Each structure stands twice: as C-alpha cells, then as structure tokens.
C-alpha cells in the first residue's frame, strides 16, 4: 500500500488489516484536505504509524505543505490506486 512518509510517497507491504484500514482512512483524509484545504481532517493521524510486513514502523505524513508537495510530484493516473502489485 502507498503511504506518505517523511515528505515522500512510500510503498509498504501490509499484512495486518488494522493498519490497512488506518491507511485507507488516512488516504480519505488526505483527499479531503487536498480538495477542501481543511487541515482539521489530518489531526486524527498526527503521530499515527503503521507496521509493515518486516516489522518496520512508518509514521504517516500530516504536514499540509509536505502533503501538497507529494501530491504535486505524483503522476496523474487514470484511477488513483493505493495498492501496488509486486511482480
């Protein structure tokens, strides 16, 4: 799954559904922030972290300017997908 961390988009492999759910809610909040400019929606995720399949912790990015920069660097796919298939 893709997450924003340390000012960049990172892909992490998640095996725990609780973290997958948190990431999904985070992406919804990020989308709302980008559409409305309401930073309050990011507050819930301040300091939240997820553990990847190898046990490494990742802290979700909540800095509004960093999120805007990450979004600006992202290529515009036809459909935004938070999952990545490893081949």
PDB file of N, CA and C in Angstrom:
ATOM      1  N   UNK A   1       0.846  -1.176   0.000  1.00  0.00           N
ATOM      2  CA  UNK A   1       0.000   0.000   0.000  1.00  0.00           C
ATOM      3  C   UNK A   1       0.892   1.239   0.000  1.00  0.00           C
ATOM      4  N   UNK A   2       0.422   2.274  -0.644  1.00  0.00           N
ATOM      5  CA  UNK A   2       1.157   3.533  -0.692  1.00  0.00           C
ATOM      6  C   UNK A   2       0.799   4.376   0.526  1.00  0.00           C
ATOM      7  N   UNK A   3       1.812   4.995   1.127  1.00  0.00           N
ATOM      8  CA  UNK A   3       1.601   5.938   2.219  1.00  0.00           C
ATOM      9  C   UNK A   3       2.490   7.154   1.975  1.00  0.00           C
ATOM     10  N   UNK A   4       2.168   8.245   2.649  1.00  0.00           N
ATOM     11  CA  UNK A   4       3.026   9.417   2.649  1.00  0.00           C
ATOM     12  C   UNK A   4       3.813   9.392   3.949  1.00  0.00           C
ATOM     13  N   UNK A   5       5.149   9.524   3.798  1.00  0.00           N
ATOM     14  CA  UNK A   5       6.022   9.459   4.975  1.00  0.00           C
ATOM     15  C   UNK A   5       7.266  10.285   4.702  1.00  0.00           C
ATOM     16  N   UNK A   6       7.642  11.116   5.659  1.00  0.00           N
ATOM     17  CA  UNK A   6       8.862  11.922   5.544  1.00  0.00           C
ATOM     18  C   UNK A   6       8.922  12.721   4.244  1.00  0.00           C
ATOM     19  N   UNK A   7       7.809  13.294   3.837  1.00  0.00           N
ATOM     20  CA  UNK A   7       7.781  14.147   2.668  1.00  0.00           C
ATOM     21  C   UNK A   7       7.802  13.446   1.324  1.00  0.00           C
ATOM     22  N   UNK A   8       7.552  12.139   1.339  1.00  0.00           N
ATOM     23  CA  UNK A   8       7.525  11.416   0.068  1.00  0.00           C
ATOM     24  C   UNK A   8       6.509  10.282   0.139  1.00  0.00           C
ATOM     25  N   UNK A   9       6.131   9.807  -1.049  1.00  0.00           N
ATOM     26  CA  UNK A   9       5.234   8.654  -1.118  1.00  0.00           C
ATOM     27  C   UNK A   9       6.086   7.391  -1.045  1.00  0.00           C
ATOM     28  N   UNK A  10       5.679   6.466  -0.206  1.00  0.00           N
ATOM     29  CA  UNK A  10       6.396   5.212   0.006  1.00  0.00           C
ATOM     30  C   UNK A  10       5.414   4.060  -0.134  1.00  0.00           C
ATOM     31  N   UNK A  11       5.864   2.969  -0.698  1.00  0.00           N
ATOM     32  CA  UNK A  11       5.029   1.771  -0.798  1.00  0.00           C
ATOM     33  C   UNK A  11       5.487   0.790   0.271  1.00  0.00           C
ATOM     34  N   UNK A  12       4.540   0.321   1.076  1.00  0.00           N
ATOM     35  CA  UNK A  12       4.843  -0.639   2.134  1.00  0.00           C
ATOM     36  C   UNK A  12       3.937  -1.851   1.981  1.00  0.00           C
ATOM     37  N   UNK A  13       4.461  -2.997   2.358  1.00  0.00           N
ATOM     38  CA  UNK A  13       3.661  -4.223   2.345  1.00  0.00           C
ATOM     39  C   UNK A  13       3.033  -4.381   3.718  1.00  0.00           C
ATOM     40  N   UNK A  14       1.716  -4.436   3.738  1.00  0.00           N
ATOM     41  CA  UNK A  14       0.958  -4.514   4.988  1.00  0.00           C
ATOM     42  C   UNK A  14       0.285  -5.878   5.077  1.00  0.00           C
ATOM     43  N   UNK A  15       0.433  -6.530   6.231  1.00  0.00           N
ATOM     44  CA  UNK A  15      -0.207  -7.823   6.424  1.00  0.00           C
ATOM     45  C   UNK A  15      -1.301  -7.779   7.494  1.00  0.00           C
ATOM     46  N   UNK A  16      -1.381  -6.664   8.205  1.00  0.00           N
ATOM     47  CA  UNK A  16      -2.364  -6.517   9.278  1.00  0.00           C
ATOM     48  C   UNK A  16      -3.520  -5.650   8.779  1.00  0.00           C
ATOM     49  N   UNK A  17      -4.713  -6.186   8.820  1.00  0.00           N
ATOM     50  CA  UNK A  17      -5.877  -5.459   8.298  1.00  0.00           C
ATOM     51  C   UNK A  17      -6.166  -4.179   9.077  1.00  0.00           C
ATOM     52  N   UNK A  18      -5.765  -4.125  10.336  1.00  0.00           N
ATOM     53  CA  UNK A  18      -5.982  -2.899  11.120  1.00  0.00           C
ATOM     54  C   UNK A  18      -5.169  -1.748  10.536  1.00  0.00           C
ATOM     55  N   UNK A  19      -3.934  -2.033  10.118  1.00  0.00           N
ATOM     56  CA  UNK A  19      -3.099  -0.994   9.511  1.00  0.00           C
ATOM     57  C   UNK A  19      -3.614  -0.637   8.119  1.00  0.00           C
ATOM     58  N   UNK A  20      -4.099  -1.623   7.396  1.00  0.00           N
ATOM     59  CA  UNK A  20      -4.674  -1.357   6.074  1.00  0.00           C
ATOM     60  C   UNK A  20      -5.889  -0.434   6.201  1.00  0.00           C
ATOM     61  N   UNK A  21      -6.706  -0.665   7.211  1.00  0.00           N
ATOM     62  CA  UNK A  21      -7.869   0.180   7.458  1.00  0.00           C
ATOM     63  C   UNK A  21      -7.441   1.597   7.813  1.00  0.00           C
ATOM     64  N   UNK A  22      -6.434   1.724   8.672  1.00  0.00           N
ATOM     65  CA  UNK A  22      -5.916   3.033   9.055  1.00  0.00           C
ATOM     66  C   UNK A  22      -5.390   3.784   7.827  1.00  0.00           C
ATOM     67  N   UNK A  23      -4.668   3.083   6.965  1.00  0.00           N
ATOM     68  CA  UNK A  23      -4.136   3.714   5.748  1.00  0.00           C
ATOM     69  C   UNK A  23      -5.276   4.170   4.840  1.00  0.00           C
ATOM     70  N   UNK A  24      -6.300   3.373   4.713  1.00  0.00           N
ATOM     71  CA  UNK A  24      -7.453   3.761   3.909  1.00  0.00           C
ATOM     72  C   UNK A  24      -8.117   5.020   4.438  1.00  0.00           C
ATOM     73  N   UNK A  25      -8.306   5.091   5.757  1.00  0.00           N
ATOM     74  CA  UNK A  25      -8.896   6.279   6.368  1.00  0.00           C
ATOM     75  C   UNK A  25      -7.976   7.492   6.199  1.00  0.00           C
ATOM     76  N   UNK A  26      -6.672   7.259   6.303  1.00  0.00           N
ATOM     77  CA  UNK A  26      -5.690   8.321   6.106  1.00  0.00           C
ATOM     78  C   UNK A  26      -5.792   8.886   4.688  1.00  0.00           C
ATOM     79  N   UNK A  27      -5.870   7.997   3.692  1.00  0.00           N
ATOM     80  CA  UNK A  27      -5.979   8.454   2.303  1.00  0.00           C
ATOM     81  C   UNK A  27      -7.262   9.251   2.083  1.00  0.00           C
ATOM     82  N   UNK A  28      -8.336   8.864   2.724  1.00  0.00           N
ATOM     83  CA  UNK A  28      -9.585   9.625   2.615  1.00  0.00           C
ATOM     84  C   UNK A  28      -9.416  11.020   3.209  1.00  0.00           C
ATOM     85  N   UNK A  29      -8.734  11.113   4.341  1.00  0.00           N
ATOM     86  CA  UNK A  29      -8.499  12.409   4.979  1.00  0.00           C
ATOM     87  C   UNK A  29      -7.584  13.280   4.124  1.00  0.00           C
ATOM     88  N   UNK A  30      -6.553  12.678   3.546  1.00  0.00           N
ATOM     89  CA  UNK A  30      -5.641  13.425   2.676  1.00  0.00           C
ATOM     90  C   UNK A  30      -6.401  13.963   1.467  1.00  0.00           C
ATOM     91  N   UNK A  31      -7.244  13.133   0.886  1.00  0.00           N
ATOM     92  CA  UNK A  31      -8.032  13.568  -0.272  1.00  0.00           C
ATOM     93  C   UNK A  31      -8.946  14.723   0.114  1.00  0.00           C
ATOM     94  N   UNK A  32      -9.598  14.606   1.260  1.00  0.00           N
ATOM     95  CA  UNK A  32     -10.469  15.686   1.710  1.00  0.00           C
ATOM     96  C   UNK A  32      -9.669  16.964   1.928  1.00  0.00           C
ATOM     97  N   UNK A  33      -8.494  16.845   2.558  1.00  0.00           N
ATOM     98  CA  UNK A  33      -7.652  18.024   2.768  1.00  0.00           C
ATOM     99  C   UNK A  33      -7.283  18.667   1.429  1.00  0.00           C
ATOM    100  N   UNK A  34      -6.848  17.854   0.468  1.00  0.00           N
ATOM    101  CA  UNK A  34      -6.443  18.388  -0.827  1.00  0.00           C
ATOM    102  C   UNK A  34      -7.612  19.037  -1.565  1.00  0.00           C
ATOM    103  N   UNK A  35      -8.816  18.526  -1.378  1.00  0.00           N
ATOM    104  CA  UNK A  35      -9.991  19.080  -2.051  1.00  0.00           C
ATOM    105  C   UNK A  35     -10.559  20.324  -1.369  1.00  0.00           C
ATOM    106  N   UNK A  36     -10.403  20.395  -0.031  1.00  0.00           N
ATOM    107  CA  UNK A  36     -11.049  21.478   0.710  1.00  0.00           C
ATOM    108  C   UNK A  36     -10.081  22.436   1.390  1.00  0.00           C
ATOM    109  N   UNK A  37      -8.852  21.987   1.646  1.00  0.00           N
ATOM    110  CA  UNK A  37      -7.900  22.806   2.390  1.00  0.00           C
ATOM    111  C   UNK A  37      -8.098  22.735   3.894  1.00  0.00           C
ATOM    112  N   UNK A  38      -9.018  21.898   4.363  1.00  0.00           N
ATOM    113  CA  UNK A  38      -9.317  21.751   5.780  1.00  0.00           C
ATOM    114  C   UNK A  38      -8.257  20.872   6.452  1.00  0.00           C
ATOM    115  N   UNK A  39      -7.362  21.493   7.209  1.00  0.00           N
ATOM    116  CA  UNK A  39      -6.285  20.744   7.870  1.00  0.00           C
ATOM    117  C   UNK A  39      -6.768  19.946   9.072  1.00  0.00           C
ATOM    118  N   UNK A  40      -7.966  20.260   9.574  1.00  0.00           N
ATOM    119  CA  UNK A  40      -8.502  19.543  10.741  1.00  0.00           C
ATOM    120  C   UNK A  40      -8.634  18.044  10.475  1.00  0.00           C
ATOM    121  N   UNK A  41      -8.878  17.665   9.220  1.00  0.00           N
ATOM    122  CA  UNK A  41      -9.063  16.246   8.909  1.00  0.00           C
ATOM    123  C   UNK A  41      -7.767  15.456   9.069  1.00  0.00           C
ATOM    124  N   UNK A  42      -6.620  16.142   9.058  1.00  0.00           N
ATOM    125  CA  UNK A  42      -5.328  15.459   9.221  1.00  0.00           C
ATOM    126  C   UNK A  42      -4.969  15.249  10.691  1.00  0.00           C
ATOM    127  N   UNK A  43      -5.589  16.013  11.584  1.00  0.00           N
ATOM    128  CA  UNK A  43      -5.237  15.974  13.007  1.00  0.00           C
ATOM    129  C   UNK A  43      -5.372  14.577  13.609  1.00  0.00           C
ATOM    130  N   UNK A  44      -6.370  13.834  13.185  1.00  0.00           N
ATOM    131  CA  UNK A  44      -6.599  12.482  13.704  1.00  0.00           C
ATOM    132  C   UNK A  44      -5.403  11.559  13.463  1.00  0.00           C
ATOM    133  N   UNK A  45      -4.592  11.861  12.457  1.00  0.00           N
ATOM    134  CA  UNK A  45      -3.494  10.974  12.063  1.00  0.00           C
ATOM    135  C   UNK A  45      -2.130  11.463  12.540  1.00  0.00           C
ATOM    136  N   UNK A  46      -2.109  12.550  13.289  1.00  0.00           N
ATOM    137  CA  UNK A  46      -0.867  13.085  13.829  1.00  0.00           C
ATOM    138  C   UNK A  46      -0.204  12.037  14.728  1.00  0.00           C
ATOM    139  N   UNK A  47       1.024  11.662  14.389  1.00  0.00           N
ATOM    140  CA  UNK A  47       1.768  10.679  15.172  1.00  0.00           C
ATOM    141  C   UNK A  47       1.361   9.232  14.946  1.00  0.00           C
ATOM    142  N   UNK A  48       0.385   8.992  14.087  1.00  0.00           N
ATOM    143  CA  UNK A  48      -0.057   7.609  13.815  1.00  0.00           C
ATOM    144  C   UNK A  48       1.000   6.911  12.966  1.00  0.00           C
ATOM    145  N   UNK A  49       1.173   5.640  13.236  1.00  0.00           N
ATOM    146  CA  UNK A  49       2.166   4.863  12.496  1.00  0.00           C
ATOM    147  C   UNK A  49       1.604   3.497  12.158  1.00  0.00           C
ATOM    148  N   UNK A  50       2.196   2.885  11.147  1.00  0.00           N
ATOM    149  CA  UNK A  50       1.800   1.552  10.722  1.00  0.00           C
ATOM    150  C   UNK A  50       3.046   0.681  10.639  1.00  0.00           C
ATOM    151  N   UNK A  51       2.843  -0.604  10.877  1.00  0.00           N
ATOM    152  CA  UNK A  51       3.962  -1.549  10.822  1.00  0.00           C
ATOM    153  C   UNK A  51       3.862  -2.347   9.528  1.00  0.00           C
ATOM    154  N   UNK A  52       4.988  -2.399   8.786  1.00  0.00           N
ATOM    155  CA  UNK A  52       4.983  -3.168   7.547  1.00  0.00           C
ATOM    156  C   UNK A  52       5.228  -4.641   7.838  1.00  0.00           C
ATOM    157  N   UNK A  53       5.232  -5.454   6.800  1.00  0.00           N
ATOM    158  CA  UNK A  53       5.343  -6.911   6.972  1.00  0.00           C
ATOM    159  C   UNK A  53       6.688  -7.348   7.541  1.00  0.00           C
ATOM    160  N   UNK A  54       7.710  -6.489   7.452  1.00  0.00           N
ATOM    161  CA  UNK A  54       9.017  -6.846   8.023  1.00  0.00           C
ATOM    162  C   UNK A  54       9.197  -6.291   9.433  1.00  0.00           C
ATOM    163  N   UNK A  55       8.155  -5.644   9.974  1.00  0.00           N
ATOM    164  CA  UNK A  55       8.217  -5.152  11.343  1.00  0.00           C
ATOM    165  C   UNK A  55       8.684  -3.711  11.480  1.00  0.00           C
ATOM    166  N   UNK A  56       8.942  -3.030  10.378  1.00  0.00           N
ATOM    167  CA  UNK A  56       9.399  -1.643  10.424  1.00  0.00           C
ATOM    168  C   UNK A  56       8.202  -0.712  10.564  1.00  0.00           C
ATOM    169  N   UNK A  57       8.346   0.289  11.434  1.00  0.00           N
ATOM    170  CA  UNK A  57       7.282   1.267  11.660  1.00  0.00           C
ATOM    171  C   UNK A  57       7.410   2.431  10.687  1.00  0.00           C
ATOM    172  N   UNK A  58       6.274   2.943  10.218  1.00  0.00           N
ATOM    173  CA  UNK A  58       6.216   4.075   9.307  1.00  0.00           C
ATOM    174  C   UNK A  58       5.223   5.086   9.886  1.00  0.00           C
ATOM    175  N   UNK A  59       5.650   6.351  10.006  1.00  0.00           N
ATOM    176  CA  UNK A  59       4.796   7.405  10.537  1.00  0.00           C
ATOM    177  C   UNK A  59       4.109   8.109   9.376  1.00  0.00           C
ATOM    178  N   UNK A  60       2.793   8.245   9.460  1.00  0.00           N
ATOM    179  CA  UNK A  60       2.008   8.875   8.406  1.00  0.00           C
ATOM    180  C   UNK A  60       2.260  10.379   8.376  1.00  0.00           C
ATOM    181  N   UNK A  61       2.494  10.916   7.183  1.00  0.00           N
ATOM    182  CA  UNK A  61       2.757  12.342   6.998  1.00  0.00           C
ATOM    183  C   UNK A  61       1.483  13.142   7.209  1.00  0.00           C
ATOM    184  N   UNK A  62       1.545  14.170   8.089  1.00  0.00           N
ATOM    185  CA  UNK A  62       0.383  15.020   8.327  1.00  0.00           C
ATOM    186  C   UNK A  62       0.698  16.495   8.102  1.00  0.00           C
ATOM    187  N   UNK A  63       1.898  16.806   7.691  1.00  0.00           N
ATOM    188  CA  UNK A  63       2.270  18.187   7.413  1.00  0.00           C
ATOM    189  C   UNK A  63       1.580  18.626   6.124  1.00  0.00           C
ATOM    190  N   UNK A  64       0.704  19.630   6.189  1.00  0.00           N
ATOM    191  CA  UNK A  64      -0.052  20.031   4.996  1.00  0.00           C
ATOM    192  C   UNK A  64       0.820  20.410   3.798  1.00  0.00           C
ATOM    193  N   UNK A  65       1.900  21.159   4.028  1.00  0.00           N
ATOM    194  CA  UNK A  65       2.743  21.552   2.894  1.00  0.00           C
ATOM    195  C   UNK A  65       3.448  20.352   2.293  1.00  0.00           C
ATOM    196  N   UNK A  66       3.865  19.400   3.119  1.00  0.00           N
ATOM    197  CA  UNK A  66       4.510  18.178   2.606  1.00  0.00           C
ATOM    198  C   UNK A  66       3.508  17.359   1.792  1.00  0.00           C
ATOM    199  N   UNK A  67       2.284  17.291   2.255  1.00  0.00           N
ATOM    200  CA  UNK A  67       1.255  16.532   1.530  1.00  0.00           C
ATOM    201  C   UNK A  67       0.984  17.181   0.174  1.00  0.00           C
ATOM    202  N   UNK A  68       0.913  18.510   0.135  1.00  0.00           N
ATOM    203  CA  UNK A  68       0.710  19.197  -1.152  1.00  0.00           C
ATOM    204  C   UNK A  68       1.879  18.937  -2.101  1.00  0.00           C
ATOM    205  N   UNK A  69       3.109  18.963  -1.575  1.00  0.00           N
ATOM    206  CA  UNK A  69       4.295  18.701  -2.416  1.00  0.00           C
ATOM    207  C   UNK A  69       4.278  17.271  -2.952  1.00  0.00           C
ATOM    208  N   UNK A  70       3.938  16.316  -2.107  1.00  0.00           N
ATOM    209  CA  UNK A  70       3.858  14.914  -2.540  1.00  0.00           C
ATOM    210  C   UNK A  70       2.820  14.778  -3.646  1.00  0.00           C
ATOM    211  N   UNK A  71       1.671  15.399  -3.455  1.00  0.00           N
ATOM    212  CA  UNK A  71       0.613  15.330  -4.451  1.00  0.00           C
ATOM    213  C   UNK A  71       1.037  15.980  -5.765  1.00  0.00           C
ATOM    214  N   UNK A  72       1.765  17.079  -5.687  1.00  0.00           N
ATOM    215  CA  UNK A  72       2.220  17.772  -6.900  1.00  0.00           C
ATOM    216  C   UNK A  72       3.212  16.922  -7.688  1.00  0.00           C
ATOM    217  N   UNK A  73       4.013  16.116  -6.996  1.00  0.00           N
ATOM    218  CA  UNK A  73       5.009  15.264  -7.669  1.00  0.00           C
ATOM    219  C   UNK A  73       4.398  13.998  -8.251  1.00  0.00           C
ATOM    220  N   UNK A  74       3.225  13.622  -7.783  1.00  0.00           N
ATOM    221  CA  UNK A  74       2.589  12.380  -8.207  1.00  0.00           C
ATOM    222  C   UNK A  74       2.108  12.503  -9.651  1.00  0.00           C
ATOM    223  N   UNK A  75       2.371  11.492 -10.434  1.00  0.00           N
ATOM    224  CA  UNK A  75       1.833  11.440 -11.788  1.00  0.00           C
ATOM    225  C   UNK A  75       0.338  11.217 -11.679  1.00  0.00           C
ATOM    226  N   UNK A  76      -0.407  11.764 -12.592  1.00  0.00           N
ATOM    227  CA  UNK A  76      -1.855  11.637 -12.567  1.00  0.00           C
ATOM    228  C   UNK A  76      -2.291  10.371 -13.312  1.00  0.00           C
ATOM    229  N   UNK A  77      -2.538   9.286 -12.595  1.00  0.00           N
ATOM    230  CA  UNK A  77      -3.054   8.090 -13.262  1.00  0.00           C
ATOM    231  C   UNK A  77      -4.532   8.279 -13.596  1.00  0.00           C
ATOM    232  N   UNK A  78      -5.028   7.414 -14.453  1.00  0.00           N
ATOM    233  CA  UNK A  78      -6.459   7.481 -14.777  1.00  0.00           C
ATOM    234  C   UNK A  78      -7.296   7.198 -13.544  1.00  0.00           C
ATOM    235  N   UNK A  79      -6.803   6.309 -12.675  1.00  0.00           N
ATOM    236  CA  UNK A  79      -7.502   5.986 -11.442  1.00  0.00           C
ATOM    237  C   UNK A  79      -6.449   5.834 -10.358  1.00  0.00           C
ATOM    238  N   UNK A  80      -6.530   6.634  -9.289  1.00  0.00           N
ATOM    239  CA  UNK A  80      -5.551   6.563  -8.211  1.00  0.00           C
ATOM    240  C   UNK A  80      -5.722   5.257  -7.453  1.00  0.00           C
ATOM    241  N   UNK A  81      -4.642   4.534  -7.296  1.00  0.00           N
ATOM    242  CA  UNK A  81      -4.675   3.232  -6.649  1.00  0.00           C
ATOM    243  C   UNK A  81      -3.676   3.232  -5.497  1.00  0.00           C
ATOM    244  N   UNK A  82      -4.105   2.882  -4.291  1.00  0.00           N
ATOM    245  CA  UNK A  82      -3.204   2.868  -3.142  1.00  0.00           C
ATOM    246  C   UNK A  82      -2.458   1.526  -3.026  1.00  0.00           C
ATOM    247  N   UNK A  83      -2.826   0.573  -3.861  1.00  0.00           N
ATOM    248  CA  UNK A  83      -2.173  -0.737  -3.838  1.00  0.00           C
ATOM    249  C   UNK A  83      -1.167  -0.825  -4.976  1.00  0.00           C
ATOM    250  N   UNK A  84      -0.109  -1.595  -4.762  1.00  0.00           N
ATOM    251  CA  UNK A  84       0.867  -1.839  -5.820  1.00  0.00           C
ATOM    252  C   UNK A  84       1.092  -3.336  -5.913  1.00  0.00           C
ATOM    253  N   UNK A  85       1.144  -3.838  -7.122  1.00  0.00           N
ATOM    254  CA  UNK A  85       1.370  -5.255  -7.341  1.00  0.00           C
ATOM    255  C   UNK A  85       2.860  -5.470  -7.564  1.00  0.00           C
ATOM    256  N   UNK A  86       3.463  -6.316  -6.740  1.00  0.00           N
ATOM    257  CA  UNK A  86       4.882  -6.658  -6.903  1.00  0.00           C
ATOM    258  C   UNK A  86       4.974  -7.891  -7.799  1.00  0.00           C
ATOM    259  N   UNK A  87       5.785  -7.784  -8.829  1.00  0.00           N
ATOM    260  CA  UNK A  87       5.908  -8.877  -9.780  1.00  0.00           C
ATOM    261  C   UNK A  87       7.214  -9.608  -9.550  1.00  0.00           C
TER     262      UNK A  87
END
